[in-house]
Amino acid sequence: MSILSKKNKPTKVTWYKEGDFFYVKINGKVIDGEIPCSWVGDSLLIYLNRLDKNYLLLNYANISDNEEHEAAYAGDGNELFWSKQGDGFYFYEQGLNINTQTDSYWLDTLFIVAYNDEAFLLQDYSDSPDDTLFLAVPVTEPDSISWVRVKDGFFMLQGAETITLENKGSYCNEHLIIYLNDLAGIYLLPYYQNAELYTFYKAHQLAGKDEFVYYKKDDNKYELFCNYENLGADSVAIYNDDDIIIYLPDRNTTLILPSIKQAEADNFYLPQVLSGESNVFWSTVGEGYKLIDRGVHIAHEVGDHFSWIGKHVLIYHPPTTSTYLLQDYGNLKDNKLRPALLVSDSAQFIWKAANNKCFIWYQARKVGDCEYQMVGNDLMVMPKSLKKMLKLENFAHRQDNVLRIAEVEG
């Protein structure tokens, strides 16, 4: 539809022609100064700066009299226009043809003009008549990420530039999410399945490169994504109260989906990444504790292999022969998961020293009744019940309460 059929004139603007020149009146008064103008077939498009509006002097080329004619209001000063010229087009801004400052391309059956980092749709370009002025429809904004669905797929744009799509994305109910390598992020195309064809929509960034995002499904189920991948099949997951703890073996990473039972279904969320070198985490539960190793509850396997060290608790896990320290355990009653400090992944004798006294634990049980002998700066210790000779290396200079591994001699 021609732009002229959509606009209402805001004020009376007239014009008349004298020879090769034209003059414009606003409410009966001739205006001074140069007026930007361009041809649209036999008509002339002009821009009036004092009104910040565009007008058409209809059939200008065929008028030779000095009679006054009414100017046809075309649009406001911030609107852009186009007209078809055979297989090409003219593109207008404030009365001037700026075609040489634009780029153009096809998106399926849509003809797009790129100008100032914005994409403009030349609506029904193929079927439009020549030499007729139309409004150029802005379909994107500078730097924004947009998408449009077509019969055989979809296109995405950043500003006015098309984005290379290296994968088809993943469906989450009606939605589509896709990783864009050029932009280093996961983007959501909301309600993609029901989107109108050839209509432009904004995409929303869900996560950056190597970051995680999950989609909450019905019945507290979920799908977990990172970059191109759906990670559900390669994970270990357990409930921890209202949360879900997920361990990803290929990434050696532990995540929390917090309060997933309360999270709204058919929506996307960022999980919490738990940081800890051992991927073993603990939390208090009443007078006890939970211990989670790579997505598996293991507290029940500790048994009586634990000891208090001030407000800390030292534990030993027999199946993995690992010793951990639950730091500040006595002061923490908030049920929050924290990393367990790995003291040793194999050695069973742990010691510390302060004020020239030593403390030794075997499989996290405190060891007493020992014989001692200084050899240089080292302390040799013989626990009578275990009949092992232990070497506390550089004992004389390590009076700092730091837990260390004892060497077993012989």
Protein backbone atom coordinates (compact mmCIF):
# COMPACT_ATOMS: atom_id res chain seq x y z
CA MET A 1 0.00 0.00 0.00
CA SER A 2 1.33 3.44 -0.89
CA ILE A 3 2.55 5.57 2.01
CA LEU A 4 0.25 8.41 0.91
CA SER A 5 -2.83 6.43 1.89
CA LYS A 6 -1.63 6.04 5.49
CA LYS A 7 -0.83 9.61 6.48
CA ASN A 8 -2.87 12.63 7.47
CA LYS A 9 -1.60 16.08 6.66
CA PRO A 10 -0.66 17.96 9.86
CA THR A 11 -0.81 21.53 8.45
CA LYS A 12 -1.43 23.31 5.13
CA VAL A 13 1.58 23.17 2.86
CA THR A 14 1.29 24.38 -0.75
CA TRP A 15 3.66 24.89 -3.65
CA TYR A 16 3.87 26.48 -7.06
CA LYS A 17 6.29 26.28 -9.94
CA GLU A 18 8.03 29.05 -11.86
CA GLY A 19 10.16 27.76 -14.70
CA ASP A 20 12.72 25.32 -13.32
CA PHE A 21 12.15 26.43 -9.73
CA PHE A 22 9.52 25.73 -7.13
CA TYR A 23 8.38 27.61 -4.06
CA VAL A 24 6.73 26.27 -0.90
CA LYS A 25 4.25 28.00 1.38
CA ILE A 26 3.43 27.05 4.97
CA ASN A 27 -0.02 28.34 5.89
CA GLY A 28 0.19 30.83 3.04
CA LYS A 29 3.72 32.13 3.67
CA VAL A 30 6.60 31.38 1.29
CA ILE A 31 9.55 29.86 3.09
CA ASP A 32 13.15 30.85 2.38
CA GLY A 33 16.24 28.71 1.98
CA GLU A 34 17.26 25.62 0.09
CA ILE A 35 14.87 22.67 0.30
CA PRO A 36 16.31 19.12 0.01
CA CYS A 37 14.49 17.21 -2.76
CA SER A 38 14.65 14.06 -4.91
CA TRP A 39 12.68 12.57 -7.77
CA VAL A 40 10.06 9.87 -7.19
CA GLY A 41 8.96 9.18 -10.74
CA ASP A 42 7.30 12.41 -11.96
CA SER A 43 6.79 13.66 -8.39
CA LEU A 44 9.25 15.43 -6.12
CA LEU A 45 9.95 14.44 -2.53
CA ILE A 46 10.92 17.38 -0.31
CA TYR A 47 11.92 17.80 3.31
CA LEU A 48 10.86 20.88 5.31
CA ASN A 49 13.29 21.38 8.15
CA ARG A 50 11.13 23.85 10.09
CA LEU A 51 8.31 21.28 10.25
CA ASP A 52 10.62 18.25 10.33
CA LYS A 53 8.31 16.58 7.81
CA ASN A 54 8.46 15.14 4.31
CA TYR A 55 6.07 16.08 1.48
CA LEU A 56 5.42 15.05 -2.11
CA LEU A 57 4.93 17.56 -4.89
CA LEU A 58 2.71 15.28 -6.97
CA ASN A 59 3.14 15.15 -10.76
CA TYR A 60 5.71 17.95 -10.51
CA ALA A 61 7.43 17.11 -13.81
CA ASN A 62 4.20 17.54 -15.78
CA ILE A 63 3.07 20.83 -14.25
CA SER A 64 4.08 24.07 -16.03
CA ASP A 65 1.63 26.62 -14.66
CA ASN A 66 2.18 28.98 -11.75
CA GLU A 67 -0.88 27.80 -9.92
CA GLU A 68 -0.70 26.85 -6.27
CA HIS A 69 -1.00 23.13 -5.45
CA GLU A 70 -1.36 21.35 -2.16
CA ALA A 71 1.67 19.31 -1.06
CA ALA A 72 0.96 15.71 -0.05
CA TYR A 73 2.19 14.85 3.42
CA ALA A 74 4.50 11.81 3.23
CA GLY A 75 5.86 11.35 6.73
CA ASP A 76 7.82 12.72 9.65
CA GLY A 77 11.45 13.75 9.41
CA ASN A 78 12.77 10.66 11.17
CA GLU A 79 11.05 8.29 8.73
CA LEU A 80 12.79 6.81 5.70
CA PHE A 81 11.24 5.94 2.36
CA TRP A 82 11.87 3.97 -0.79
CA SER A 83 10.66 3.59 -4.33
CA LYS A 84 11.22 0.77 -6.77
CA GLN A 85 13.20 1.48 -9.93
CA GLY A 86 13.14 -1.57 -12.19
CA ASP A 87 15.35 -4.15 -10.50
CA GLY A 88 16.74 -1.51 -8.14
CA PHE A 89 15.44 1.08 -5.72
CA TYR A 90 15.87 4.59 -4.37
CA PHE A 91 16.18 5.13 -0.65
CA TYR A 92 15.30 8.49 0.87
CA GLU A 93 16.13 10.34 4.07
CA GLN A 94 14.91 13.89 4.67
CA GLY A 95 14.29 14.53 1.01
CA LEU A 96 17.54 13.09 -0.35
CA ASN A 97 18.20 9.87 -2.23
CA ILE A 98 20.87 8.12 -0.14
CA ASN A 99 20.88 4.87 -2.10
CA THR A 100 24.69 4.87 -2.47
CA GLN A 101 25.06 4.85 1.33
CA THR A 102 23.12 1.60 1.76
CA ASP A 103 23.61 -2.12 1.31
CA SER A 104 20.86 -4.53 0.38
CA TYR A 105 20.23 -8.28 0.46
CA TRP A 106 17.50 -10.90 0.38
CA LEU A 107 16.34 -12.96 3.36
CA ASP A 108 14.30 -15.62 1.62
CA THR A 109 11.54 -13.50 0.01
CA LEU A 110 12.24 -10.40 2.13
CA PHE A 111 14.23 -7.56 0.57
CA ILE A 112 16.31 -5.76 3.21
CA VAL A 113 18.19 -2.47 3.07
CA ALA A 114 20.97 -1.90 5.61
CA TYR A 115 21.59 1.67 6.68
CA ASN A 116 23.24 3.08 9.83
CA ASP A 117 23.34 -0.38 11.46
CA GLU A 118 19.59 -0.78 11.05
CA ALA A 119 17.75 -3.15 8.74
CA PHE A 120 14.77 -1.81 6.81
CA LEU A 121 12.20 -3.99 5.10
CA LEU A 122 11.03 -2.96 1.63
CA GLN A 123 7.60 -4.50 2.06
CA ASP A 124 6.32 -6.46 -0.97
CA TYR A 125 9.24 -5.21 -3.03
CA SER A 126 8.82 -7.71 -5.88
CA ASP A 127 5.16 -6.82 -6.43
CA SER A 128 5.46 -3.06 -5.89
CA PRO A 129 5.02 -0.63 -8.80
CA ASP A 130 7.86 1.62 -9.88
CA ASP A 131 8.01 5.32 -9.00
CA THR A 132 5.74 5.03 -5.95
CA LEU A 133 6.81 6.19 -2.51
CA PHE A 134 6.65 3.67 0.34
CA LEU A 135 7.65 3.75 3.96
CA ALA A 136 10.84 1.82 4.77
CA VAL A 137 9.93 -0.34 7.75
CA PRO A 138 12.71 -0.61 10.39
CA VAL A 139 12.85 -4.23 11.54
CA THR A 140 15.99 -4.14 13.74
CA GLU A 141 17.79 -1.72 16.04
CA PRO A 142 21.52 -0.95 16.12
CA ASP A 143 23.48 -3.67 17.97
CA SER A 144 20.31 -5.60 18.81
CA ILE A 145 20.00 -9.32 18.00
CA SER A 146 16.93 -10.09 15.90
CA TRP A 147 15.47 -13.10 14.14
CA VAL A 148 12.89 -13.84 11.50
CA ARG A 149 11.30 -17.17 10.71
CA VAL A 150 10.85 -18.20 7.08
CA LYS A 151 9.36 -21.32 5.49
CA ASP A 152 12.55 -23.35 5.60
CA GLY A 153 14.16 -22.08 8.80
CA PHE A 154 15.18 -18.72 10.17
CA PHE A 155 17.70 -15.90 9.90
CA MET A 156 19.37 -13.85 12.63
CA LEU A 157 20.80 -10.35 12.48
CA GLN A 158 22.99 -8.17 14.66
CA GLY A 159 21.88 -4.67 13.85
CA ALA A 160 21.71 -4.82 10.06
CA GLU A 161 24.32 -7.59 9.59
CA THR A 162 23.34 -11.22 9.10
CA ILE A 163 24.77 -13.69 11.61
CA THR A 164 26.38 -16.93 10.53
CA LEU A 165 24.41 -19.83 12.01
CA GLU A 166 26.67 -22.83 12.68
CA ASN A 167 23.96 -25.02 14.21
CA LYS A 168 20.18 -25.38 14.13
CA GLY A 169 19.70 -24.85 17.85
CA SER A 170 17.66 -26.87 20.36
CA TYR A 171 13.93 -26.83 20.97
CA CYS A 172 12.54 -26.27 24.46
CA ASN A 173 8.81 -26.65 24.10
CA GLU A 174 7.79 -23.75 21.82
CA HIS A 175 11.12 -21.99 22.19
CA LEU A 176 14.40 -22.32 20.33
CA ILE A 177 17.80 -21.66 21.85
CA ILE A 178 20.95 -21.38 19.79
CA TYR A 179 24.64 -20.80 20.46
CA LEU A 180 26.13 -18.03 18.33
CA ASN A 181 29.86 -18.50 18.03
CA ASP A 182 30.47 -15.01 16.62
CA LEU A 183 28.74 -13.45 19.63
CA ALA A 184 29.99 -16.04 22.15
CA GLY A 185 26.62 -16.64 23.77
CA ILE A 186 23.45 -18.72 24.01
CA TYR A 187 20.40 -16.86 22.67
CA LEU A 188 16.69 -17.47 23.10
CA LEU A 189 14.20 -17.21 20.26
CA PRO A 190 11.03 -17.14 22.37
CA TYR A 191 7.90 -18.93 21.13
CA TYR A 192 9.68 -19.78 17.89
CA GLN A 193 7.33 -22.64 17.02
CA ASN A 194 4.32 -20.31 16.87
CA ALA A 195 6.07 -17.25 15.46
CA GLU A 196 4.54 -15.56 12.43
CA LEU A 197 6.50 -16.18 9.25
CA TYR A 198 8.42 -13.19 7.88
CA THR A 199 7.97 -11.20 11.09
CA PHE A 200 11.01 -9.89 12.96
CA TYR A 201 11.48 -10.50 16.69
CA LYS A 202 14.19 -9.76 19.23
CA ALA A 203 16.42 -12.53 20.55
CA HIS A 204 17.54 -12.55 24.19
CA GLN A 205 20.94 -13.63 25.47
CA LEU A 206 20.65 -16.32 28.14
CA ALA A 207 24.33 -17.06 28.86
CA GLY A 208 27.83 -16.34 27.64
CA LYS A 209 30.44 -18.68 26.23
CA ASP A 210 31.09 -21.74 28.44
CA GLU A 211 28.30 -20.64 30.80
CA PHE A 212 25.39 -22.88 31.73
CA VAL A 213 21.65 -22.35 31.40
CA TYR A 214 18.78 -24.70 32.11
CA TYR A 215 15.19 -24.90 30.96
CA LYS A 216 12.61 -25.81 33.63
CA LYS A 217 10.06 -28.29 32.28
CA ASP A 218 6.92 -29.59 33.92
CA ASP A 219 7.16 -32.08 36.83
CA ASN A 220 10.43 -30.47 37.99
CA LYS A 221 12.31 -31.84 35.01
CA TYR A 222 14.92 -29.79 33.20
CA GLU A 223 17.28 -29.55 30.24
CA LEU A 224 20.81 -28.24 30.75
CA PHE A 225 22.83 -26.47 28.07
CA CYS A 226 26.33 -25.10 27.56
CA ASN A 227 27.37 -23.61 24.23
CA TYR A 228 26.19 -26.05 21.52
CA GLU A 229 25.47 -28.95 23.84
CA ASN A 230 22.52 -30.42 25.69
CA LEU A 231 24.24 -31.90 28.75
CA GLY A 232 21.44 -33.97 30.24
CA ALA A 233 22.69 -37.35 29.06
CA ASP A 234 26.22 -36.82 30.41
CA SER A 235 25.42 -35.78 33.97
CA VAL A 236 24.87 -37.22 37.44
CA ALA A 237 22.00 -35.58 39.33
CA ILE A 238 20.51 -35.88 42.82
CA TYR A 239 18.04 -33.96 44.91
CA ASN A 240 19.34 -31.96 47.85
CA ASP A 241 16.22 -30.73 49.64
CA ASP A 242 14.55 -28.42 47.07
CA ASP A 243 17.68 -28.15 44.95
CA ILE A 244 19.14 -30.44 42.33
CA ILE A 245 22.86 -31.11 42.39
CA ILE A 246 24.38 -31.95 39.01
CA TYR A 247 27.87 -33.29 38.35
CA LEU A 248 29.29 -33.11 34.82
CA PRO A 249 32.08 -35.71 34.47
CA ASP A 250 33.43 -34.38 31.16
CA ARG A 251 33.83 -30.92 32.69
CA ASN A 252 34.57 -32.05 36.25
CA THR A 253 32.05 -29.43 37.36
CA THR A 254 29.28 -29.42 39.96
CA LEU A 255 26.17 -27.25 39.58
CA ILE A 256 23.13 -26.41 41.69
CA LEU A 257 19.66 -25.82 40.29
CA PRO A 258 18.43 -23.88 43.34
CA SER A 259 14.82 -24.25 44.52
CA ILE A 260 13.85 -25.94 41.28
CA LYS A 261 10.51 -27.04 42.71
CA GLN A 262 9.53 -23.40 43.15
CA ALA A 263 10.91 -22.25 39.78
CA GLU A 264 8.30 -21.39 37.16
CA ALA A 265 7.98 -24.02 34.43
CA ASP A 266 8.57 -23.15 30.76
CA ASN A 267 11.31 -20.69 31.67
CA PHE A 268 15.09 -20.42 31.61
CA TYR A 269 17.46 -20.02 34.55
CA LEU A 270 21.17 -19.83 35.31
CA PRO A 271 22.42 -22.59 37.60
CA GLN A 272 24.93 -21.91 40.36
CA VAL A 273 28.40 -23.27 39.66
CA LEU A 274 30.03 -24.69 42.79
CA SER A 275 33.74 -23.98 42.98
CA GLY A 276 36.05 -26.46 44.65
CA GLU A 277 39.06 -28.39 43.41
CA SER A 278 37.84 -31.74 44.74
CA ASN A 279 34.20 -31.44 43.59
CA VAL A 280 33.26 -32.68 47.05
CA PHE A 281 30.83 -30.46 48.95
CA TRP A 282 29.23 -30.49 52.37
CA SER A 283 26.45 -28.84 54.32
CA THR A 284 25.11 -29.10 57.84
CA VAL A 285 21.87 -30.99 58.48
CA GLY A 286 20.62 -30.58 62.04
CA GLU A 287 23.40 -32.04 64.20
CA GLY A 288 24.93 -33.90 61.25
CA TYR A 289 26.10 -33.14 57.75
CA LYS A 290 25.73 -34.05 54.11
CA LEU A 291 28.71 -34.93 51.96
CA ILE A 292 28.33 -34.97 48.17
CA ASP A 293 31.10 -36.29 45.94
CA ARG A 294 30.62 -35.62 42.22
CA GLY A 295 26.86 -35.82 42.47
CA VAL A 296 26.64 -38.74 44.92
CA HIS A 297 25.79 -38.68 48.64
CA ILE A 298 28.71 -40.29 50.54
CA ALA A 299 28.29 -39.16 54.18
CA HIS A 300 26.98 -42.59 55.14
CA GLU A 301 30.27 -44.14 53.98
CA VAL A 302 32.35 -42.10 56.43
CA GLY A 303 31.11 -43.88 59.54
CA ASP A 304 33.16 -42.96 62.62
CA HIS A 305 36.15 -41.75 60.56
CA PHE A 306 35.98 -38.17 61.79
CA SER A 307 37.47 -35.91 64.45
CA TRP A 308 36.90 -32.40 65.72
CA ILE A 309 39.78 -29.96 65.27
CA GLY A 310 38.58 -26.87 67.07
CA LYS A 311 35.53 -25.71 65.07
CA HIS A 312 36.60 -27.78 62.07
CA VAL A 313 35.87 -31.44 61.35
CA LEU A 314 38.33 -33.84 59.74
CA ILE A 315 36.77 -36.78 57.89
CA TYR A 316 38.12 -39.81 56.06
CA HIS A 317 36.27 -41.54 53.23
CA PRO A 318 37.32 -45.23 53.10
CA PRO A 319 36.12 -46.05 49.54
CA THR A 320 38.34 -43.34 48.04
CA THR A 321 41.00 -43.21 50.85
CA SER A 322 40.56 -39.42 50.80
CA THR A 323 40.73 -37.10 53.79
CA TYR A 324 38.77 -33.84 53.87
CA LEU A 325 38.45 -30.89 56.21
CA LEU A 326 35.03 -29.33 56.79
CA GLN A 327 36.20 -25.84 57.65
CA ASP A 328 34.39 -23.87 60.37
CA TYR A 329 31.83 -26.66 60.65
CA GLY A 330 30.91 -25.78 64.23
CA ASN A 331 29.88 -22.23 63.30
CA LEU A 332 27.89 -22.99 60.16
CA LYS A 333 24.28 -24.10 60.51
CA ASP A 334 22.78 -22.61 57.35
CA ASN A 335 22.53 -25.78 55.21
CA LYS A 336 24.58 -24.08 52.49
CA LEU A 337 26.81 -26.27 50.36
CA ARG A 338 30.51 -25.53 50.66
CA PRO A 339 33.62 -27.14 49.20
CA ALA A 340 35.30 -29.75 51.36
CA LEU A 341 39.04 -29.09 51.55
CA LEU A 342 40.97 -32.08 50.23
CA VAL A 343 43.80 -32.75 52.67
CA SER A 344 44.98 -35.96 51.04
CA ASP A 345 43.69 -38.24 48.30
CA SER A 346 45.64 -41.28 49.45
CA ALA A 347 47.72 -40.78 52.62
CA GLN A 348 46.05 -41.84 55.86
CA PHE A 349 48.28 -40.10 58.42
CA ILE A 350 47.71 -36.37 58.92
CA TRP A 351 49.52 -34.12 61.39
CA LYS A 352 49.83 -30.57 62.56
CA ALA A 353 52.05 -28.82 65.13
CA ALA A 354 51.79 -25.83 67.48
CA ASN A 355 53.83 -24.79 70.53
CA ASN A 356 56.18 -27.77 69.95
CA LYS A 357 53.29 -30.19 70.31
CA CYS A 358 52.15 -32.50 67.54
CA PHE A 359 48.71 -33.90 66.76
CA ILE A 360 48.28 -36.93 64.54
CA TRP A 361 45.23 -38.51 62.93
CA TYR A 362 44.96 -41.87 61.22
CA GLN A 363 41.98 -42.17 58.87
CA ALA A 364 40.62 -39.03 60.59
CA ARG A 365 40.80 -40.66 64.04
CA LYS A 366 43.11 -39.03 66.56
CA VAL A 367 46.23 -41.04 67.41
CA GLY A 368 47.67 -41.05 70.94
CA ASP A 369 50.20 -42.97 73.06
CA CYS A 370 53.23 -42.39 70.85
CA GLU A 371 56.99 -42.43 71.23
CA TYR A 372 58.88 -39.39 69.89
CA GLN A 373 62.42 -38.68 68.75
CA MET A 374 63.87 -35.53 67.14
CA VAL A 375 66.22 -36.16 64.22
CA GLY A 376 67.53 -32.79 63.14
CA ASN A 377 64.48 -30.66 62.41
CA ASP A 378 62.29 -33.70 61.83
CA LEU A 379 60.20 -35.46 64.45
CA MET A 380 60.00 -39.25 64.31
CA VAL A 381 56.81 -40.64 65.85
CA MET A 382 55.93 -44.27 66.68
CA PRO A 383 52.22 -44.79 67.49
CA LYS A 384 52.29 -47.86 69.73
CA SER A 385 48.92 -49.15 68.57
CA LEU A 386 49.77 -48.97 64.87
CA LYS A 387 53.45 -49.95 64.93
CA LYS A 388 54.30 -47.49 62.16
CA MET A 389 57.22 -45.08 62.16
CA LEU A 390 56.12 -41.64 61.00
CA LYS A 391 58.28 -38.76 59.91
CA LEU A 392 56.99 -35.24 60.55
CA GLU A 393 59.31 -33.42 58.20
CA ASN A 394 60.74 -30.07 59.40
CA PHE A 395 58.61 -30.27 62.53
CA ALA A 396 60.83 -27.74 64.31
CA HIS A 397 59.89 -24.96 61.87
CA ARG A 398 56.28 -25.88 61.22
CA GLN A 399 54.49 -24.74 64.34
CA ASP A 400 51.66 -23.14 62.38
CA ASN A 401 48.61 -25.43 62.92
CA VAL A 402 48.55 -26.35 59.22
CA LEU A 403 47.49 -29.90 58.36
CA ARG A 404 50.14 -31.93 56.58
CA ILE A 405 50.75 -35.48 55.41
CA ALA A 406 53.04 -37.63 57.54
CA GLU A 407 55.60 -39.82 55.80
CA VAL A 408 55.51 -43.50 56.70
CA GLU A 409 59.01 -44.92 57.22
CA GLY A 410 59.87 -48.55 56.36
